[in-house]
Amino acid sequence: RIAPYRADMQAAPRPVLRNALQPIVQDEGALALLKRMVRPTASYVGEQVTEVTERSGRSSRQIIKGDTQGRIRREFLSPGEWAGDVMLVTPGQYGYLHKRENRLDVALWPTEWNDREKRMFALLRRGRVAVTRVGEEPVAGRNATIIALTGAGGQAGQFQMKFWIDTETGIQLKNEKYAPGGLESRSYMTAITVNPTAGVASKDFEMGSLQASNPTTDPWFPAAQFTDLQQAASQMPFHPLEPATLPSGFRFSGAWTFGVNLKAQNRRGAILLRYSDGVSSFSLYQRQARPNGKPLKTSITRAYRRSIQRWTVAAPEGEREITYIGHLTSEQAQAVHDTLR
């Protein structure tokens, strides 16, 4: 995804420096377009190039698909060792299929927005970053408005990010990221087709579309946050459901909690429980279902044959949304589901 620094990669001109004490007056039009970029108004498919200006950097080409829910699918065309790899980023999860290694990395996130976007809008709200329109430029044959995120205070006048956003749909056509030394990376569309001729389907963003013939799917987390289940449960606004029946040799091996520091009125929280027999493992990610939320759809005839499954399970506090990740047999997975207490 990266390429050596080239002479044509010039750092953007710096805007007029701000007084560190001067409050930022945000460009509301630019802010509105930035928000629309997160959830564009049209689906699309296109070819994208990504470059990073590191000494040993390289470039990559991808086929990128996106939809109006903010879901992104990247299928790598180059370099050779990444060809065939697929990256899937949706509001609730992340998956990366390593084609050559026949391995699928999976992470589940408890938030509706990804972390980078949340941090970006938090900085904008706190006035630590200013957003402004700095120009217009066509990218891949579409008109784009250029939006700049500029640091405030000690970073006054320094571009942190620039986005070329399709003025009509909000689709991100190009971006550039800057470090103190200048341009750090950029990605840009070389061709794009926008709905209705894009041919983007909902199934393109389903984790099941990333299944390998012999996958080693595993939750993508660091060392266990908790090795004691009761200690983890004490941090949650609900009691985690546990399977009364485990496959032979499996036992609880760790837990992670998410969103437990949210304000009380929004404090749903989420927890991931992991079970292992020392060689293989499976995980149960769970949170309380939203009031009046849409029920999760599960095909009873196929549900327990999939390595990533979504269940709705009744609990004393109300319905629980469960995501199972693992490679148990269909009978073992069904036993786990049926004995959650």
C-alpha atoms as a PDB file:
ATOM      1  CA  ARG A   1       0.000   0.000   0.000  1.00  0.00           C
ATOM      2  CA  ILE A   2       2.996   2.171   0.143  1.00  0.00           C
ATOM      3  CA  ALA A   3       5.359   3.854  -2.276  1.00  0.00           C
ATOM      4  CA  PRO A   4       8.678   5.699  -2.034  1.00  0.00           C
ATOM      5  CA  TYR A   5       8.505   9.452  -1.621  1.00  0.00           C
ATOM      6  CA  ARG A   6       8.391  11.175  -4.987  1.00  0.00           C
ATOM      7  CA  ALA A   7       9.083  14.712  -6.042  1.00  0.00           C
ATOM      8  CA  ASP A   8       5.465  15.274  -7.055  1.00  0.00           C
ATOM      9  CA  MET A   9       4.288  14.512  -3.512  1.00  0.00           C
ATOM     10  CA  GLN A  10       4.515  18.052  -2.258  1.00  0.00           C
ATOM     11  CA  ALA A  11       3.183  18.968   1.179  1.00  0.00           C
ATOM     12  CA  ALA A  12       0.102  21.151   1.024  1.00  0.00           C
ATOM     13  CA  PRO A  13       0.580  24.875   1.612  1.00  0.00           C
ATOM     14  CA  ARG A  14      -0.021  25.856   5.197  1.00  0.00           C
ATOM     15  CA  PRO A  15      -2.928  28.133   6.018  1.00  0.00           C
ATOM     16  CA  VAL A  16      -2.556  31.266   8.081  1.00  0.00           C
ATOM     17  CA  LEU A  17      -1.476  30.421  11.634  1.00  0.00           C
ATOM     18  CA  ARG A  18      -4.065  30.831  14.338  1.00  0.00           C
ATOM     19  CA  ASN A  19      -3.582  32.357  17.720  1.00  0.00           C
ATOM     20  CA  ALA A  20      -3.527  29.402  20.148  1.00  0.00           C
ATOM     21  CA  LEU A  21      -6.103  31.171  22.343  1.00  0.00           C
ATOM     22  CA  GLN A  22      -8.427  32.139  19.510  1.00  0.00           C
ATOM     23  CA  PRO A  23     -11.537  29.918  19.496  1.00  0.00           C
ATOM     24  CA  ILE A  24     -12.147  27.942  16.333  1.00  0.00           C
ATOM     25  CA  VAL A  25     -15.176  28.857  14.266  1.00  0.00           C
ATOM     26  CA  GLN A  26     -15.976  25.719  12.315  1.00  0.00           C
ATOM     27  CA  ASP A  27     -17.002  25.840   8.650  1.00  0.00           C
ATOM     28  CA  GLU A  28     -20.475  24.337   9.059  1.00  0.00           C
ATOM     29  CA  GLY A  29     -20.796  23.516   5.370  1.00  0.00           C
ATOM     30  CA  ALA A  30     -17.501  21.623   5.436  1.00  0.00           C
ATOM     31  CA  LEU A  31     -18.504  19.851   8.647  1.00  0.00           C
ATOM     32  CA  ALA A  32     -21.806  18.742   7.089  1.00  0.00           C
ATOM     33  CA  LEU A  33     -19.983  17.338   4.039  1.00  0.00           C
ATOM     34  CA  LEU A  34     -17.501  15.534   6.303  1.00  0.00           C
ATOM     35  CA  LYS A  35     -20.384  13.872   8.158  1.00  0.00           C
ATOM     36  CA  ARG A  36     -21.971  12.861   4.849  1.00  0.00           C
ATOM     37  CA  MET A  37     -18.687  11.217   3.857  1.00  0.00           C
ATOM     38  CA  VAL A  38     -19.167   8.702   6.683  1.00  0.00           C
ATOM     39  CA  ARG A  39     -22.565   7.698   5.299  1.00  0.00           C
ATOM     40  CA  PRO A  40     -22.644   8.636   1.577  1.00  0.00           C
ATOM     41  CA  THR A  41     -25.918   8.835  -0.312  1.00  0.00           C
ATOM     42  CA  ALA A  42     -24.983   6.301  -3.018  1.00  0.00           C
ATOM     43  CA  SER A  43     -23.323   2.905  -3.328  1.00  0.00           C
ATOM     44  CA  TYR A  44     -20.183   2.690  -5.461  1.00  0.00           C
ATOM     45  CA  VAL A  45     -17.397   0.501  -6.795  1.00  0.00           C
ATOM     46  CA  GLY A  46     -14.040   1.714  -8.029  1.00  0.00           C
ATOM     47  CA  GLU A  47     -10.303   1.172  -8.258  1.00  0.00           C
ATOM     48  CA  GLN A  48      -8.124   2.853  -5.651  1.00  0.00           C
ATOM     49  CA  VAL A  49      -4.386   3.383  -5.238  1.00  0.00           C
ATOM     50  CA  THR A  50      -2.813   3.776  -1.780  1.00  0.00           C
ATOM     51  CA  GLU A  51       0.672   5.227  -1.279  1.00  0.00           C
ATOM     52  CA  VAL A  52       2.709   5.897   1.842  1.00  0.00           C
ATOM     53  CA  THR A  53       5.857   8.028   1.779  1.00  0.00           C
ATOM     54  CA  GLU A  54       8.067   5.771   3.879  1.00  0.00           C
ATOM     55  CA  ARG A  55      11.640   4.917   2.971  1.00  0.00           C
ATOM     56  CA  SER A  56      10.822   1.262   2.308  1.00  0.00           C
ATOM     57  CA  GLY A  57       7.291   2.015   1.219  1.00  0.00           C
ATOM     58  CA  ARG A  58       5.290   0.417  -1.539  1.00  0.00           C
ATOM     59  CA  SER A  59       1.983   1.049  -3.250  1.00  0.00           C
ATOM     60  CA  SER A  60      -1.131  -1.061  -3.512  1.00  0.00           C
ATOM     61  CA  ARG A  61      -4.151  -1.191  -5.817  1.00  0.00           C
ATOM     62  CA  GLN A  62      -7.569  -2.266  -4.606  1.00  0.00           C
ATOM     63  CA  ILE A  63     -11.086  -2.689  -5.868  1.00  0.00           C
ATOM     64  CA  ILE A  64     -13.146  -0.800  -3.304  1.00  0.00           C
ATOM     65  CA  LYS A  65     -16.878  -1.123  -2.724  1.00  0.00           C
ATOM     66  CA  GLY A  66     -18.983   1.042  -0.433  1.00  0.00           C
ATOM     67  CA  ASP A  67     -22.617   1.588   0.434  1.00  0.00           C
ATOM     68  CA  THR A  68     -24.892   4.119   2.142  1.00  0.00           C
ATOM     69  CA  GLN A  69     -24.436   2.439   5.542  1.00  0.00           C
ATOM     70  CA  GLY A  70     -20.743   3.299   5.585  1.00  0.00           C
ATOM     71  CA  ARG A  71     -19.626  -0.275   4.889  1.00  0.00           C
ATOM     72  CA  ILE A  72     -16.351  -0.699   2.958  1.00  0.00           C
ATOM     73  CA  ARG A  73     -14.911  -3.721   1.147  1.00  0.00           C
ATOM     74  CA  ARG A  74     -11.361  -3.666  -0.276  1.00  0.00           C
ATOM     75  CA  GLU A  75     -10.111  -6.416  -2.566  1.00  0.00           C
ATOM     76  CA  PHE A  76      -6.365  -6.136  -3.190  1.00  0.00           C
ATOM     77  CA  LEU A  77      -4.997  -6.412  -6.713  1.00  0.00           C
ATOM     78  CA  SER A  78      -1.349  -5.644  -5.901  1.00  0.00           C
ATOM     79  CA  PRO A  79       1.363  -6.060  -4.731  1.00  0.00           C
ATOM     80  CA  GLY A  80       1.600  -9.765  -5.501  1.00  0.00           C
ATOM     81  CA  GLU A  81       1.758 -11.005  -1.918  1.00  0.00           C
ATOM     82  CA  TRP A  82      -1.491  -9.152  -1.108  1.00  0.00           C
ATOM     83  CA  ALA A  83      -3.327 -10.018  -4.324  1.00  0.00           C
ATOM     84  CA  GLY A  84      -6.604 -11.693  -3.440  1.00  0.00           C
ATOM     85  CA  ASP A  85      -6.660 -10.407   0.143  1.00  0.00           C
ATOM     86  CA  VAL A  86      -9.955  -8.842   1.199  1.00  0.00           C
ATOM     87  CA  MET A  87     -10.537  -6.252   3.942  1.00  0.00           C
ATOM     88  CA  LEU A  88     -14.063  -5.719   5.216  1.00  0.00           C
ATOM     89  CA  VAL A  89     -14.903  -2.763   7.488  1.00  0.00           C
ATOM     90  CA  THR A  90     -18.482  -2.310   8.635  1.00  0.00           C
ATOM     91  CA  PRO A  91     -19.975  -0.227  11.475  1.00  0.00           C
ATOM     92  CA  GLY A  92     -19.954  -3.265  13.778  1.00  0.00           C
ATOM     93  CA  GLN A  93     -16.959  -5.363  12.757  1.00  0.00           C
ATOM     94  CA  TYR A  94     -13.711  -5.795  10.853  1.00  0.00           C
ATOM     95  CA  GLY A  95     -12.437  -8.756   8.881  1.00  0.00           C
ATOM     96  CA  TYR A  96      -9.291  -9.414   6.860  1.00  0.00           C
ATOM     97  CA  LEU A  97      -8.897 -12.479   4.661  1.00  0.00           C
ATOM     98  CA  HIS A  98      -5.239 -13.392   4.038  1.00  0.00           C
ATOM     99  CA  LYS A  99      -5.670 -15.298   0.795  1.00  0.00           C
ATOM    100  CA  ARG A 100      -2.239 -16.903   0.620  1.00  0.00           C
ATOM    101  CA  GLU A 101      -2.264 -17.997   4.258  1.00  0.00           C
ATOM    102  CA  ASN A 102      -5.905 -19.022   4.062  1.00  0.00           C
ATOM    103  CA  ARG A 103      -6.462 -17.134   7.336  1.00  0.00           C
ATOM    104  CA  LEU A 104      -9.306 -14.860   8.384  1.00  0.00           C
ATOM    105  CA  ASP A 105      -8.720 -12.236  11.095  1.00  0.00           C
ATOM    106  CA  VAL A 106     -11.898 -10.964  12.729  1.00  0.00           C
ATOM    107  CA  ALA A 107     -12.550  -8.149  15.192  1.00  0.00           C
ATOM    108  CA  LEU A 108     -15.909  -7.035  16.531  1.00  0.00           C
ATOM    109  CA  TRP A 109     -16.387  -3.484  17.717  1.00  0.00           C
ATOM    110  CA  PRO A 110     -19.186  -2.447  20.105  1.00  0.00           C
ATOM    111  CA  THR A 111     -19.617   1.015  18.612  1.00  0.00           C
ATOM    112  CA  GLU A 112     -21.640   2.153  15.617  1.00  0.00           C
ATOM    113  CA  TRP A 113     -18.760   4.245  14.258  1.00  0.00           C
ATOM    114  CA  ASN A 114     -15.198   3.143  13.859  1.00  0.00           C
ATOM    115  CA  ASP A 115     -12.686   4.526  16.323  1.00  0.00           C
ATOM    116  CA  ARG A 116     -10.864   6.822  13.904  1.00  0.00           C
ATOM    117  CA  GLU A 117     -14.048   8.594  12.879  1.00  0.00           C
ATOM    118  CA  LYS A 118     -15.199   8.938  16.482  1.00  0.00           C
ATOM    119  CA  ARG A 119     -11.888  10.501  17.493  1.00  0.00           C
ATOM    120  CA  MET A 120     -12.011  12.866  14.528  1.00  0.00           C
ATOM    121  CA  PHE A 121     -15.470  14.215  15.386  1.00  0.00           C
ATOM    122  CA  ALA A 122     -14.571  14.409  19.091  1.00  0.00           C
ATOM    123  CA  LEU A 123     -11.598  16.647  18.259  1.00  0.00           C
ATOM    124  CA  LEU A 124     -13.831  18.806  16.066  1.00  0.00           C
ATOM    125  CA  ARG A 125     -16.382  19.201  18.859  1.00  0.00           C
ATOM    126  CA  ARG A 126     -13.686  20.164  21.364  1.00  0.00           C
ATOM    127  CA  GLY A 127     -12.244  22.755  18.996  1.00  0.00           C
ATOM    128  CA  ARG A 128      -8.851  21.053  18.794  1.00  0.00           C
ATOM    129  CA  VAL A 129      -9.192  20.624  15.030  1.00  0.00           C
ATOM    130  CA  ALA A 130     -10.711  23.020  12.500  1.00  0.00           C
ATOM    131  CA  VAL A 131     -12.522  21.889   9.349  1.00  0.00           C
ATOM    132  CA  THR A 132     -12.540  24.125   6.277  1.00  0.00           C
ATOM    133  CA  ARG A 133     -13.140  23.954   2.526  1.00  0.00           C
ATOM    134  CA  VAL A 134      -9.900  24.676   0.677  1.00  0.00           C
ATOM    135  CA  GLY A 135     -10.865  24.117  -2.950  1.00  0.00           C
ATOM    136  CA  GLU A 136     -12.411  21.897  -5.597  1.00  0.00           C
ATOM    137  CA  GLU A 137     -10.834  19.367  -7.934  1.00  0.00           C
ATOM    138  CA  PRO A 138     -12.095  16.507 -10.142  1.00  0.00           C
ATOM    139  CA  VAL A 139     -11.062  12.993  -9.070  1.00  0.00           C
ATOM    140  CA  ALA A 140     -11.779   9.942 -11.252  1.00  0.00           C
ATOM    141  CA  GLY A 141     -14.093  12.082 -13.367  1.00  0.00           C
ATOM    142  CA  ARG A 142     -16.245  13.331 -10.472  1.00  0.00           C
ATOM    143  CA  ASN A 143     -16.380  16.790  -8.903  1.00  0.00           C
ATOM    144  CA  ALA A 144     -14.838  16.841  -5.445  1.00  0.00           C
ATOM    145  CA  THR A 145     -14.809  19.417  -2.652  1.00  0.00           C
ATOM    146  CA  ILE A 146     -11.506  19.478  -0.767  1.00  0.00           C
ATOM    147  CA  ILE A 147     -11.925  19.510   3.029  1.00  0.00           C
ATOM    148  CA  ALA A 148      -8.974  20.139   5.336  1.00  0.00           C
ATOM    149  CA  LEU A 149      -8.660  19.219   9.008  1.00  0.00           C
ATOM    150  CA  THR A 150      -6.214  21.653  10.566  1.00  0.00           C
ATOM    151  CA  GLY A 151      -4.664  21.398  14.024  1.00  0.00           C
ATOM    152  CA  ALA A 152      -5.312  24.057  16.648  1.00  0.00           C
ATOM    153  CA  GLY A 153      -3.213  25.286  19.558  1.00  0.00           C
ATOM    154  CA  GLY A 154       0.303  23.872  19.445  1.00  0.00           C
ATOM    155  CA  GLN A 155      -0.414  22.359  16.039  1.00  0.00           C
ATOM    156  CA  ALA A 156      -1.951  25.515  14.629  1.00  0.00           C
ATOM    157  CA  GLY A 157      -1.692  25.828  10.883  1.00  0.00           C
ATOM    158  CA  GLN A 158      -0.670  22.230  10.255  1.00  0.00           C
ATOM    159  CA  PHE A 159      -2.838  20.063   8.010  1.00  0.00           C
ATOM    160  CA  GLN A 160      -3.568  16.737   9.646  1.00  0.00           C
ATOM    161  CA  MET A 161      -5.880  15.338   6.971  1.00  0.00           C
ATOM    162  CA  LYS A 162      -7.357  16.391   3.652  1.00  0.00           C
ATOM    163  CA  PHE A 163     -10.349  14.735   2.019  1.00  0.00           C
ATOM    164  CA  TRP A 164     -11.608  15.034  -1.557  1.00  0.00           C
ATOM    165  CA  ILE A 165     -15.333  14.398  -1.136  1.00  0.00           C
ATOM    166  CA  ASP A 166     -17.760  13.833  -3.996  1.00  0.00           C
ATOM    167  CA  THR A 167     -19.902  16.953  -3.847  1.00  0.00           C
ATOM    168  CA  GLU A 168     -23.004  15.115  -5.058  1.00  0.00           C
ATOM    169  CA  THR A 169     -22.896  11.879  -3.009  1.00  0.00           C
ATOM    170  CA  GLY A 170     -20.413  12.380  -0.150  1.00  0.00           C
ATOM    171  CA  ILE A 171     -18.214   9.494  -1.372  1.00  0.00           C
ATOM    172  CA  GLN A 172     -14.570   9.871  -0.350  1.00  0.00           C
ATOM    173  CA  LEU A 173     -12.585  10.015  -3.603  1.00  0.00           C
ATOM    174  CA  LYS A 174      -9.173  10.843  -2.203  1.00  0.00           C
ATOM    175  CA  ASN A 175      -7.434  11.505   1.114  1.00  0.00           C
ATOM    176  CA  GLU A 176      -4.059  12.706   2.279  1.00  0.00           C
ATOM    177  CA  LYS A 177      -2.534  12.395   5.744  1.00  0.00           C
ATOM    178  CA  TYR A 178       0.232  14.687   6.958  1.00  0.00           C
ATOM    179  CA  ALA A 179       2.994  14.292   9.530  1.00  0.00           C
ATOM    180  CA  PRO A 180       5.248  17.109  10.835  1.00  0.00           C
ATOM    181  CA  GLY A 181       7.653  16.403   7.967  1.00  0.00           C
ATOM    182  CA  GLY A 182       5.005  16.676   5.253  1.00  0.00           C
ATOM    183  CA  LEU A 183       2.851  14.234   3.335  1.00  0.00           C
ATOM    184  CA  GLU A 184       2.694  10.821   5.009  1.00  0.00           C
ATOM    185  CA  SER A 185       0.181   8.887   2.914  1.00  0.00           C
ATOM    186  CA  ARG A 186      -2.553   9.247   0.368  1.00  0.00           C
ATOM    187  CA  SER A 187      -5.245   7.145  -1.311  1.00  0.00           C
ATOM    188  CA  TYR A 188      -7.152   8.099  -4.441  1.00  0.00           C
ATOM    189  CA  MET A 189      -9.699   6.656  -6.833  1.00  0.00           C
ATOM    190  CA  THR A 190      -8.536   6.126 -10.402  1.00  0.00           C
ATOM    191  CA  ALA A 191     -11.987   4.997 -11.600  1.00  0.00           C
ATOM    192  CA  ILE A 192     -15.417   4.829  -9.997  1.00  0.00           C
ATOM    193  CA  THR A 193     -18.966   3.752 -10.843  1.00  0.00           C
ATOM    194  CA  VAL A 194     -21.809   5.099  -8.721  1.00  0.00           C
ATOM    195  CA  ASN A 195     -25.207   3.529  -8.013  1.00  0.00           C
ATOM    196  CA  PRO A 196     -27.385   2.291  -9.674  1.00  0.00           C
ATOM    197  CA  THR A 197     -24.870   0.808 -12.123  1.00  0.00           C
ATOM    198  CA  ALA A 198     -22.268  -0.038  -9.450  1.00  0.00           C
ATOM    199  CA  GLY A 199     -23.795  -3.449  -8.812  1.00  0.00           C
ATOM    200  CA  VAL A 200     -23.046  -3.392  -5.078  1.00  0.00           C
ATOM    201  CA  ALA A 201     -24.978  -6.022  -3.083  1.00  0.00           C
ATOM    202  CA  SER A 202     -25.555  -6.337   0.653  1.00  0.00           C
ATOM    203  CA  LYS A 203     -23.907  -9.767   0.653  1.00  0.00           C
ATOM    204  CA  ASP A 204     -20.616  -8.107  -0.378  1.00  0.00           C
ATOM    205  CA  PHE A 205     -20.333  -6.774   3.184  1.00  0.00           C
ATOM    206  CA  GLU A 206     -21.277  -9.950   5.039  1.00  0.00           C
ATOM    207  CA  MET A 207     -18.480 -11.610   6.980  1.00  0.00           C
ATOM    208  CA  GLY A 208     -19.537 -14.938   5.475  1.00  0.00           C
ATOM    209  CA  SER A 209     -18.285 -13.721   2.088  1.00  0.00           C
ATOM    210  CA  LEU A 210     -14.716 -13.868   3.474  1.00  0.00           C
ATOM    211  CA  GLN A 211     -14.757 -17.549   4.363  1.00  0.00           C
ATOM    212  CA  ALA A 212     -11.662 -19.480   3.319  1.00  0.00           C
ATOM    213  CA  SER A 213     -11.620 -23.211   2.589  1.00  0.00           C
ATOM    214  CA  ASN A 214      -9.599 -23.872   5.752  1.00  0.00           C
ATOM    215  CA  PRO A 215      -9.939 -20.652   7.755  1.00  0.00           C
ATOM    216  CA  THR A 216      -8.369 -20.026  11.160  1.00  0.00           C
ATOM    217  CA  THR A 217     -10.848 -17.365  12.174  1.00  0.00           C
ATOM    218  CA  ASP A 218     -10.053 -15.833  15.540  1.00  0.00           C
ATOM    219  CA  PRO A 219     -11.140 -12.691  17.422  1.00  0.00           C
ATOM    220  CA  TRP A 220      -8.481 -10.063  16.875  1.00  0.00           C
ATOM    221  CA  PHE A 221      -7.691  -8.802  20.369  1.00  0.00           C
ATOM    222  CA  PRO A 222      -4.581  -8.465  22.578  1.00  0.00           C
ATOM    223  CA  ALA A 223      -4.012 -10.432  25.800  1.00  0.00           C
ATOM    224  CA  ALA A 224      -7.152 -11.022  27.850  1.00  0.00           C
ATOM    225  CA  GLN A 225      -8.317  -7.986  29.773  1.00  0.00           C
ATOM    226  CA  PHE A 226      -9.806 -10.286  32.429  1.00  0.00           C
ATOM    227  CA  THR A 227      -8.900 -13.878  33.284  1.00  0.00           C
ATOM    228  CA  ASP A 228     -11.584 -14.047  35.975  1.00  0.00           C
ATOM    229  CA  LEU A 229     -15.105 -14.105  34.558  1.00  0.00           C
ATOM    230  CA  GLN A 230     -16.759 -12.782  37.710  1.00  0.00           C
ATOM    231  CA  GLN A 231     -14.407  -9.805  37.779  1.00  0.00           C
ATOM    232  CA  ALA A 232     -15.264  -9.042  34.152  1.00  0.00           C
ATOM    233  CA  ALA A 233     -18.988  -9.449  34.853  1.00  0.00           C
ATOM    234  CA  SER A 234     -18.785  -6.967  37.734  1.00  0.00           C
ATOM    235  CA  GLN A 235     -17.863  -4.236  35.224  1.00  0.00           C
ATOM    236  CA  MET A 236     -20.970  -4.766  33.110  1.00  0.00           C
ATOM    237  CA  PRO A 237     -24.494  -3.280  33.344  1.00  0.00           C
ATOM    238  CA  PHE A 238     -25.859  -6.801  32.680  1.00  0.00           C
ATOM    239  CA  HIS A 239     -24.918 -10.353  33.642  1.00  0.00           C
ATOM    240  CA  PRO A 240     -23.070 -12.118  30.780  1.00  0.00           C
ATOM    241  CA  LEU A 241     -24.710 -15.290  29.499  1.00  0.00           C
ATOM    242  CA  GLU A 242     -22.500 -18.375  29.724  1.00  0.00           C
ATOM    243  CA  PRO A 243     -22.915 -21.775  28.062  1.00  0.00           C
ATOM    244  CA  ALA A 244     -23.822 -24.506  30.556  1.00  0.00           C
ATOM    245  CA  THR A 245     -22.497 -27.062  28.074  1.00  0.00           C
ATOM    246  CA  LEU A 246     -18.981 -26.759  26.632  1.00  0.00           C
ATOM    247  CA  PRO A 247     -17.312 -29.078  24.124  1.00  0.00           C
ATOM    248  CA  SER A 248     -14.952 -31.590  25.711  1.00  0.00           C
ATOM    249  CA  GLY A 249     -11.697 -29.956  26.848  1.00  0.00           C
ATOM    250  CA  PHE A 250     -12.915 -26.355  26.416  1.00  0.00           C
ATOM    251  CA  ARG A 251     -12.842 -23.905  29.325  1.00  0.00           C
ATOM    252  CA  PHE A 252     -13.106 -20.141  29.840  1.00  0.00           C
ATOM    253  CA  SER A 253      -9.803 -18.451  28.887  1.00  0.00           C
ATOM    254  CA  GLY A 254     -10.423 -14.689  28.977  1.00  0.00           C
ATOM    255  CA  ALA A 255     -12.769 -11.734  28.591  1.00  0.00           C
ATOM    256  CA  TRP A 256     -12.771  -8.196  27.227  1.00  0.00           C
ATOM    257  CA  THR A 257     -15.287  -5.455  28.092  1.00  0.00           C
ATOM    258  CA  PHE A 258     -16.301  -2.447  25.968  1.00  0.00           C
ATOM    259  CA  GLY A 259     -18.244   0.771  26.498  1.00  0.00           C
ATOM    260  CA  VAL A 260     -18.581   0.351  30.271  1.00  0.00           C
ATOM    261  CA  ASN A 261     -17.670   3.989  30.935  1.00  0.00           C
ATOM    262  CA  LEU A 262     -20.505   5.441  28.876  1.00  0.00           C
ATOM    263  CA  LYS A 263     -23.029   7.768  30.501  1.00  0.00           C
ATOM    264  CA  ALA A 264     -25.661   5.887  32.478  1.00  0.00           C
ATOM    265  CA  GLN A 265     -28.550   6.607  30.081  1.00  0.00           C
ATOM    266  CA  ASN A 266     -26.584   5.129  27.159  1.00  0.00           C
ATOM    267  CA  ARG A 267     -24.684   2.471  29.060  1.00  0.00           C
ATOM    268  CA  ARG A 268     -25.340  -0.703  27.092  1.00  0.00           C
ATOM    269  CA  GLY A 269     -21.783  -1.991  27.144  1.00  0.00           C
ATOM    270  CA  ALA A 270     -20.534  -5.183  25.533  1.00  0.00           C
ATOM    271  CA  ILE A 271     -18.413  -8.139  26.571  1.00  0.00           C
ATOM    272  CA  LEU A 272     -16.486 -10.806  24.672  1.00  0.00           C
ATOM    273  CA  LEU A 273     -15.990 -14.217  26.330  1.00  0.00           C
ATOM    274  CA  ARG A 274     -13.407 -16.595  24.944  1.00  0.00           C
ATOM    275  CA  TYR A 275     -13.208 -20.354  25.440  1.00  0.00           C
ATOM    276  CA  SER A 276     -10.302 -22.601  24.446  1.00  0.00           C
ATOM    277  CA  ASP A 277      -9.093 -26.197  24.624  1.00  0.00           C
ATOM    278  CA  GLY A 278      -5.472 -25.036  24.352  1.00  0.00           C
ATOM    279  CA  VAL A 279      -5.367 -25.406  20.570  1.00  0.00           C
ATOM    280  CA  SER A 280      -8.580 -24.019  19.094  1.00  0.00           C
ATOM    281  CA  SER A 281     -11.005 -21.508  20.525  1.00  0.00           C
ATOM    282  CA  PHE A 282     -14.402 -19.903  20.105  1.00  0.00           C
ATOM    283  CA  SER A 283     -15.777 -16.599  21.344  1.00  0.00           C
ATOM    284  CA  LEU A 284     -19.127 -15.116  22.321  1.00  0.00           C
ATOM    285  CA  TYR A 285     -19.514 -11.344  21.894  1.00  0.00           C
ATOM    286  CA  GLN A 286     -22.662 -10.069  23.574  1.00  0.00           C
ATOM    287  CA  ARG A 287     -24.599  -6.952  24.431  1.00  0.00           C
ATOM    288  CA  GLN A 288     -28.160  -6.056  25.308  1.00  0.00           C
ATOM    289  CA  ALA A 289     -30.503  -5.666  22.364  1.00  0.00           C
ATOM    290  CA  ARG A 290     -31.705  -2.147  21.667  1.00  0.00           C
ATOM    291  CA  PRO A 291     -35.269  -1.424  22.753  1.00  0.00           C
ATOM    292  CA  ASN A 292     -37.603  -1.795  19.765  1.00  0.00           C
ATOM    293  CA  GLY A 293     -34.640  -2.847  17.657  1.00  0.00           C
ATOM    294  CA  LYS A 294     -35.034  -5.042  14.606  1.00  0.00           C
ATOM    295  CA  PRO A 295     -34.728  -8.754  15.441  1.00  0.00           C
ATOM    296  CA  LEU A 296     -31.617 -10.467  14.134  1.00  0.00           C
ATOM    297  CA  LYS A 297     -32.324 -12.848  11.271  1.00  0.00           C
ATOM    298  CA  THR A 298     -30.854 -16.329  11.560  1.00  0.00           C
ATOM    299  CA  SER A 299     -31.395 -19.197   9.137  1.00  0.00           C
ATOM    300  CA  ILE A 300     -32.204 -22.168  11.342  1.00  0.00           C
ATOM    301  CA  THR A 301     -31.245 -24.665   8.637  1.00  0.00           C
ATOM    302  CA  ARG A 302     -27.733 -23.210   8.208  1.00  0.00           C
ATOM    303  CA  ALA A 303     -27.086 -21.291  11.410  1.00  0.00           C
ATOM    304  CA  TYR A 304     -24.847 -23.750  13.217  1.00  0.00           C
ATOM    305  CA  ARG A 305     -22.674 -24.582  10.199  1.00  0.00           C
ATOM    306  CA  ARG A 306     -21.228 -21.075   9.938  1.00  0.00           C
ATOM    307  CA  SER A 307     -18.051 -19.905  11.708  1.00  0.00           C
ATOM    308  CA  ILE A 308     -19.606 -16.477  12.360  1.00  0.00           C
ATOM    309  CA  GLN A 309     -23.189 -16.504  13.629  1.00  0.00           C
ATOM    310  CA  ARG A 310     -25.584 -14.015  15.192  1.00  0.00           C
ATOM    311  CA  TRP A 311     -28.125 -15.126  17.764  1.00  0.00           C
ATOM    312  CA  THR A 312     -30.860 -13.429  19.762  1.00  0.00           C
ATOM    313  CA  VAL A 313     -31.196 -15.021  23.189  1.00  0.00           C
ATOM    314  CA  ALA A 314     -33.672 -14.243  25.962  1.00  0.00           C
ATOM    315  CA  ALA A 315     -32.218 -13.050  29.287  1.00  0.00           C
ATOM    316  CA  PRO A 316     -33.661 -11.651  32.556  1.00  0.00           C
ATOM    317  CA  GLU A 317     -32.609  -8.108  31.551  1.00  0.00           C
ATOM    318  CA  GLY A 318     -34.197  -8.483  28.097  1.00  0.00           C
ATOM    319  CA  GLU A 319     -33.041  -9.927  24.795  1.00  0.00           C
ATOM    320  CA  ARG A 320     -29.310 -10.337  24.281  1.00  0.00           C
ATOM    321  CA  GLU A 321     -27.484  -9.997  20.949  1.00  0.00           C
ATOM    322  CA  ILE A 322     -24.843 -12.737  20.697  1.00  0.00           C
ATOM    323  CA  THR A 323     -22.177 -13.084  18.014  1.00  0.00           C
ATOM    324  CA  TYR A 324     -20.421 -16.434  17.948  1.00  0.00           C
ATOM    325  CA  ILE A 325     -17.010 -16.850  16.265  1.00  0.00           C
ATOM    326  CA  GLY A 326     -15.449 -20.276  16.046  1.00  0.00           C
ATOM    327  CA  HIS A 327     -15.124 -23.613  14.281  1.00  0.00           C
ATOM    328  CA  LEU A 328     -17.105 -25.966  16.464  1.00  0.00           C
ATOM    329  CA  THR A 329     -19.173 -28.633  14.785  1.00  0.00           C
ATOM    330  CA  SER A 330     -22.768 -27.672  14.088  1.00  0.00           C
ATOM    331  CA  GLU A 331     -23.881 -29.918  16.979  1.00  0.00           C
ATOM    332  CA  GLN A 332     -21.418 -28.301  19.406  1.00  0.00           C
ATOM    333  CA  ALA A 333     -22.371 -24.773  18.330  1.00  0.00           C
ATOM    334  CA  GLN A 334     -26.046 -25.565  18.746  1.00  0.00           C
ATOM    335  CA  ALA A 335     -25.399 -26.969  22.233  1.00  0.00           C
ATOM    336  CA  VAL A 336     -23.600 -23.754  23.196  1.00  0.00           C
ATOM    337  CA  HIS A 337     -26.515 -21.703  21.861  1.00  0.00           C
ATOM    338  CA  ASP A 338     -29.180 -23.827  23.553  1.00  0.00           C
ATOM    339  CA  THR A 339     -27.524 -23.773  27.002  1.00  0.00           C
ATOM    340  CA  LEU A 340     -26.696 -20.053  27.302  1.00  0.00           C
ATOM    341  CA  ARG A 341     -27.776 -18.990  30.813  1.00  0.00           C
END
